[in-house]
Amino acid sequence: MDESTTPKTQELKKQTADIKRSAKAVERGTGTLIEGSDRRTILAGDRTLLAAERTYAAWVRTALAALAAGIGARALVKDILPLWVGKLSGTVLILFAGFCLVAAVWRELRGVPTIPQPDIRPIPRTLLVPMNFFLLLVAIAALVGIWSA
């Protein structure tokens, strides 16, 4: 009987073929794993960018709330409390609004880490700075309005 046709040899050849097929699958799997890992890294960059933009939005939202509260405080307490109390509370809140607007731009311009590179485009900084500058001018106008009335 020929040695290549024995059941033991055929089983060994089958196992060898299975091992080769498995090795190729592992190679393909490793390639897929690297691609998957790269994709997770890109998604992590997206999450980081979006978190930075949410933080920026939170600073601006806080600034707008403080600005409205400062104007409202001045208007609400002018007939109830002494005039200086309304002016002082409005001033403090509006100055806090200005601080929040400056901090929002400062933190956003510092940027987010470049690694991992995000898949999505960030909000253009050429839009953020003028908008915050305009809101800062509004806060200054409100502050002048509080002290001139």
C-alpha atoms as a PDB file:
ATOM      1  CA  MET A   1       0.000   0.000   0.000  1.00  0.00           C
ATOM      2  CA  ASP A   2       1.281   3.416  -0.953  1.00  0.00           C
ATOM      3  CA  GLU A   3       2.243   5.625   1.942  1.00  0.00           C
ATOM      4  CA  SER A   4       0.505   8.741   0.515  1.00  0.00           C
ATOM      5  CA  THR A   5      -2.863   7.010   0.497  1.00  0.00           C
ATOM      6  CA  THR A   6      -2.903   5.659   4.015  1.00  0.00           C
ATOM      7  CA  PRO A   7      -5.672   7.049   6.175  1.00  0.00           C
ATOM      8  CA  LYS A   8      -3.119   8.440   8.588  1.00  0.00           C
ATOM      9  CA  THR A   9      -1.309  10.343   5.822  1.00  0.00           C
ATOM     10  CA  GLN A  10      -4.541  11.645   4.378  1.00  0.00           C
ATOM     11  CA  GLU A  11      -5.584  12.861   7.825  1.00  0.00           C
ATOM     12  CA  LEU A  12      -2.209  14.549   8.253  1.00  0.00           C
ATOM     13  CA  LYS A  13      -2.552  16.276   4.869  1.00  0.00           C
ATOM     14  CA  LYS A  14      -6.046  17.397   5.803  1.00  0.00           C
ATOM     15  CA  GLN A  15      -4.813  18.801   9.109  1.00  0.00           C
ATOM     16  CA  THR A  16      -1.944  20.573   7.342  1.00  0.00           C
ATOM     17  CA  ALA A  17      -4.363  22.119   4.865  1.00  0.00           C
ATOM     18  CA  ASP A  18      -6.621  23.166   7.722  1.00  0.00           C
ATOM     19  CA  ILE A  19      -3.671  24.748   9.528  1.00  0.00           C
ATOM     20  CA  LYS A  20      -2.636  26.634   6.369  1.00  0.00           C
ATOM     21  CA  ARG A  21      -6.198  27.791   5.824  1.00  0.00           C
ATOM     22  CA  SER A  22      -6.380  28.834   9.474  1.00  0.00           C
ATOM     23  CA  ALA A  23      -3.076  30.707   9.208  1.00  0.00           C
ATOM     24  CA  LYS A  24      -4.378  32.618   6.179  1.00  0.00           C
ATOM     25  CA  ALA A  25      -7.573  33.411   8.052  1.00  0.00           C
ATOM     26  CA  VAL A  26      -5.517  34.680  10.984  1.00  0.00           C
ATOM     27  CA  GLU A  27      -3.499  36.862   8.615  1.00  0.00           C
ATOM     28  CA  ARG A  28      -6.681  38.230   7.083  1.00  0.00           C
ATOM     29  CA  GLY A  29      -8.171  38.577  10.548  1.00  0.00           C
ATOM     30  CA  THR A  30      -5.160  40.527  11.772  1.00  0.00           C
ATOM     31  CA  GLY A  31      -5.519  42.849   8.801  1.00  0.00           C
ATOM     32  CA  THR A  32      -9.161  43.275   9.623  1.00  0.00           C
ATOM     33  CA  LEU A  33      -8.305  43.801  13.264  1.00  0.00           C
ATOM     34  CA  ILE A  34      -5.863  46.555  12.358  1.00  0.00           C
ATOM     35  CA  GLU A  35      -8.456  48.171  10.130  1.00  0.00           C
ATOM     36  CA  GLY A  36     -11.004  47.868  12.935  1.00  0.00           C
ATOM     37  CA  SER A  37      -8.525  49.318  15.383  1.00  0.00           C
ATOM     38  CA  ASP A  38      -7.831  52.216  13.026  1.00  0.00           C
ATOM     39  CA  ARG A  39     -11.550  52.817  12.660  1.00  0.00           C
ATOM     40  CA  ARG A  40     -11.983  52.874  16.432  1.00  0.00           C
ATOM     41  CA  THR A  41      -9.150  55.398  16.616  1.00  0.00           C
ATOM     42  CA  ILE A  42     -10.855  57.602  14.034  1.00  0.00           C
ATOM     43  CA  LEU A  43     -14.133  57.340  15.917  1.00  0.00           C
ATOM     44  CA  ALA A  44     -12.310  58.291  19.120  1.00  0.00           C
ATOM     45  CA  GLY A  45     -11.043  61.395  17.319  1.00  0.00           C
ATOM     46  CA  ASP A  46     -14.614  62.210  16.282  1.00  0.00           C
ATOM     47  CA  ARG A  47     -15.812  61.832  19.864  1.00  0.00           C
ATOM     48  CA  THR A  48     -12.992  64.057  21.112  1.00  0.00           C
ATOM     49  CA  LEU A  49     -13.807  66.763  18.573  1.00  0.00           C
ATOM     50  CA  LEU A  50     -17.519  66.631  19.346  1.00  0.00           C
ATOM     51  CA  ALA A  51     -16.810  66.765  23.084  1.00  0.00           C
ATOM     52  CA  ALA A  52     -14.692  69.893  22.549  1.00  0.00           C
ATOM     53  CA  GLU A  53     -17.503  71.478  20.554  1.00  0.00           C
ATOM     54  CA  ARG A  54     -20.026  70.592  23.269  1.00  0.00           C
ATOM     55  CA  THR A  55     -17.739  72.240  25.806  1.00  0.00           C
ATOM     56  CA  TYR A  56     -17.542  75.353  23.622  1.00  0.00           C
ATOM     57  CA  ALA A  57     -21.339  75.394  23.336  1.00  0.00           C
ATOM     58  CA  ALA A  58     -21.642  75.046  27.123  1.00  0.00           C
ATOM     59  CA  TRP A  59     -19.393  78.087  27.662  1.00  0.00           C
ATOM     60  CA  VAL A  60     -21.416  80.173  25.210  1.00  0.00           C
ATOM     61  CA  ARG A  61     -24.720  78.958  26.667  1.00  0.00           C
ATOM     62  CA  THR A  62     -23.532  79.886  30.158  1.00  0.00           C
ATOM     63  CA  ALA A  63     -22.425  83.304  28.902  1.00  0.00           C
ATOM     64  CA  LEU A  64     -25.810  83.987  27.304  1.00  0.00           C
ATOM     65  CA  ALA A  65     -27.637  82.894  30.446  1.00  0.00           C
ATOM     66  CA  ALA A  66     -25.425  85.124  32.610  1.00  0.00           C
ATOM     67  CA  LEU A  67     -25.944  88.048  30.219  1.00  0.00           C
ATOM     68  CA  ALA A  68     -29.714  87.633  30.331  1.00  0.00           C
ATOM     69  CA  ALA A  69     -29.632  87.195  34.107  1.00  0.00           C
ATOM     70  CA  GLY A  70     -27.542  90.354  34.503  1.00  0.00           C
ATOM     71  CA  ILE A  71     -29.955  92.425  32.442  1.00  0.00           C
ATOM     72  CA  GLY A  72     -32.901  90.814  34.201  1.00  0.00           C
ATOM     73  CA  ALA A  73     -31.437  91.351  37.660  1.00  0.00           C
ATOM     74  CA  ARG A  74     -30.986  95.038  36.987  1.00  0.00           C
ATOM     75  CA  ALA A  75     -34.526  95.356  35.656  1.00  0.00           C
ATOM     76  CA  LEU A  76     -36.166  93.340  38.427  1.00  0.00           C
ATOM     77  CA  VAL A  77     -34.539  94.827  41.493  1.00  0.00           C
ATOM     78  CA  LYS A  78     -34.487  98.496  40.466  1.00  0.00           C
ATOM     79  CA  ASP A  79     -37.808  99.242  42.222  1.00  0.00           C
ATOM     80  CA  ILE A  80     -37.355  96.854  45.150  1.00  0.00           C
ATOM     81  CA  LEU A  81     -33.764  97.310  46.313  1.00  0.00           C
ATOM     82  CA  PRO A  82     -31.366 100.246  46.251  1.00  0.00           C
ATOM     83  CA  LEU A  83     -30.146 101.176  42.768  1.00  0.00           C
ATOM     84  CA  TRP A  84     -26.547 100.167  43.453  1.00  0.00           C
ATOM     85  CA  VAL A  85     -27.605  96.571  44.272  1.00  0.00           C
ATOM     86  CA  GLY A  86     -29.223  96.127  40.869  1.00  0.00           C
ATOM     87  CA  LYS A  87     -26.272  97.726  39.094  1.00  0.00           C
ATOM     88  CA  LEU A  88     -23.751  95.649  41.028  1.00  0.00           C
ATOM     89  CA  SER A  89     -25.524  92.331  40.510  1.00  0.00           C
ATOM     90  CA  GLY A  90     -26.086  93.077  36.820  1.00  0.00           C
ATOM     91  CA  THR A  91     -22.459  94.116  36.419  1.00  0.00           C
ATOM     92  CA  VAL A  92     -21.100  90.973  38.053  1.00  0.00           C
ATOM     93  CA  LEU A  93     -23.288  88.719  35.907  1.00  0.00           C
ATOM     94  CA  ILE A  94     -22.415  90.558  32.690  1.00  0.00           C
ATOM     95  CA  LEU A  95     -18.706  90.491  33.503  1.00  0.00           C
ATOM     96  CA  PHE A  96     -19.053  86.756  34.106  1.00  0.00           C
ATOM     97  CA  ALA A  97     -20.735  86.470  30.704  1.00  0.00           C
ATOM     98  CA  GLY A  98     -17.776  88.249  29.108  1.00  0.00           C
ATOM     99  CA  PHE A  99     -15.376  85.929  30.895  1.00  0.00           C
ATOM    100  CA  CYS A 100     -17.277  82.886  29.610  1.00  0.00           C
ATOM    101  CA  LEU A 101     -17.194  84.194  26.032  1.00  0.00           C
ATOM    102  CA  VAL A 102     -13.440  84.804  26.186  1.00  0.00           C
ATOM    103  CA  ALA A 103     -12.840  81.435  27.843  1.00  0.00           C
ATOM    104  CA  ALA A 104     -14.903  79.661  25.179  1.00  0.00           C
ATOM    105  CA  VAL A 105     -12.781  81.063  22.367  1.00  0.00           C
ATOM    106  CA  TRP A 106      -9.529  80.575  24.263  1.00  0.00           C
ATOM    107  CA  ARG A 107     -10.295  76.915  24.955  1.00  0.00           C
ATOM    108  CA  GLU A 108     -11.472  76.300  21.400  1.00  0.00           C
ATOM    109  CA  LEU A 109      -8.433  77.968  19.828  1.00  0.00           C
ATOM    110  CA  ARG A 110      -6.122  75.855  21.952  1.00  0.00           C
ATOM    111  CA  GLY A 111      -7.489  73.047  19.853  1.00  0.00           C
ATOM    112  CA  VAL A 112      -8.043  69.379  20.395  1.00  0.00           C
ATOM    113  CA  PRO A 113      -5.299  66.793  20.084  1.00  0.00           C
ATOM    114  CA  THR A 114      -4.477  66.085  16.453  1.00  0.00           C
ATOM    115  CA  ILE A 115      -4.071  62.386  17.147  1.00  0.00           C
ATOM    116  CA  PRO A 116      -6.346  60.632  16.471  1.00  0.00           C
ATOM    117  CA  GLN A 117      -7.340  62.532  13.356  1.00  0.00           C
ATOM    118  CA  PRO A 118     -11.139  62.968  13.355  1.00  0.00           C
ATOM    119  CA  ASP A 119     -13.290  61.945  10.421  1.00  0.00           C
ATOM    120  CA  ILE A 120     -15.600  64.951  10.723  1.00  0.00           C
ATOM    121  CA  ARG A 121     -14.806  68.597  10.079  1.00  0.00           C
ATOM    122  CA  PRO A 122     -14.737  70.941  13.067  1.00  0.00           C
ATOM    123  CA  ILE A 123     -16.705  74.176  13.244  1.00  0.00           C
ATOM    124  CA  PRO A 124     -14.588  76.747  11.384  1.00  0.00           C
ATOM    125  CA  ARG A 125     -12.652  78.952  13.765  1.00  0.00           C
ATOM    126  CA  THR A 126     -13.213  81.875  11.407  1.00  0.00           C
ATOM    127  CA  LEU A 127     -16.860  81.642  12.447  1.00  0.00           C
ATOM    128  CA  LEU A 128     -16.321  81.187  16.186  1.00  0.00           C
ATOM    129  CA  VAL A 129     -14.084  84.159  16.884  1.00  0.00           C
ATOM    130  CA  PRO A 130     -16.223  86.846  15.179  1.00  0.00           C
ATOM    131  CA  MET A 131     -19.414  85.450  16.717  1.00  0.00           C
ATOM    132  CA  ASN A 132     -17.940  85.489  20.220  1.00  0.00           C
ATOM    133  CA  PHE A 133     -16.501  88.949  19.611  1.00  0.00           C
ATOM    134  CA  PHE A 134     -19.966  90.175  18.604  1.00  0.00           C
ATOM    135  CA  LEU A 135     -21.504  88.624  21.725  1.00  0.00           C
ATOM    136  CA  LEU A 136     -18.790  90.273  23.808  1.00  0.00           C
ATOM    137  CA  LEU A 137     -19.716  93.617  22.269  1.00  0.00           C
ATOM    138  CA  VAL A 138     -23.352  92.947  23.185  1.00  0.00           C
ATOM    139  CA  ALA A 139     -22.257  92.244  26.772  1.00  0.00           C
ATOM    140  CA  ILE A 140     -20.271  95.483  26.868  1.00  0.00           C
ATOM    141  CA  ALA A 141     -23.279  97.375  25.482  1.00  0.00           C
ATOM    142  CA  ALA A 142     -25.482  95.822  28.168  1.00  0.00           C
ATOM    143  CA  LEU A 143     -22.960  96.843  30.815  1.00  0.00           C
ATOM    144  CA  VAL A 144     -22.934 100.419  29.511  1.00  0.00           C
ATOM    145  CA  GLY A 145     -26.738 100.330  29.422  1.00  0.00           C
ATOM    146  CA  ILE A 146     -26.917  99.225  33.057  1.00  0.00           C
ATOM    147  CA  TRP A 147     -24.653 102.025  34.246  1.00  0.00           C
ATOM    148  CA  SER A 148     -26.167 104.758  32.075  1.00  0.00           C
ATOM    149  CA  ALA A 149     -29.774 104.120  33.131  1.00  0.00           C
END
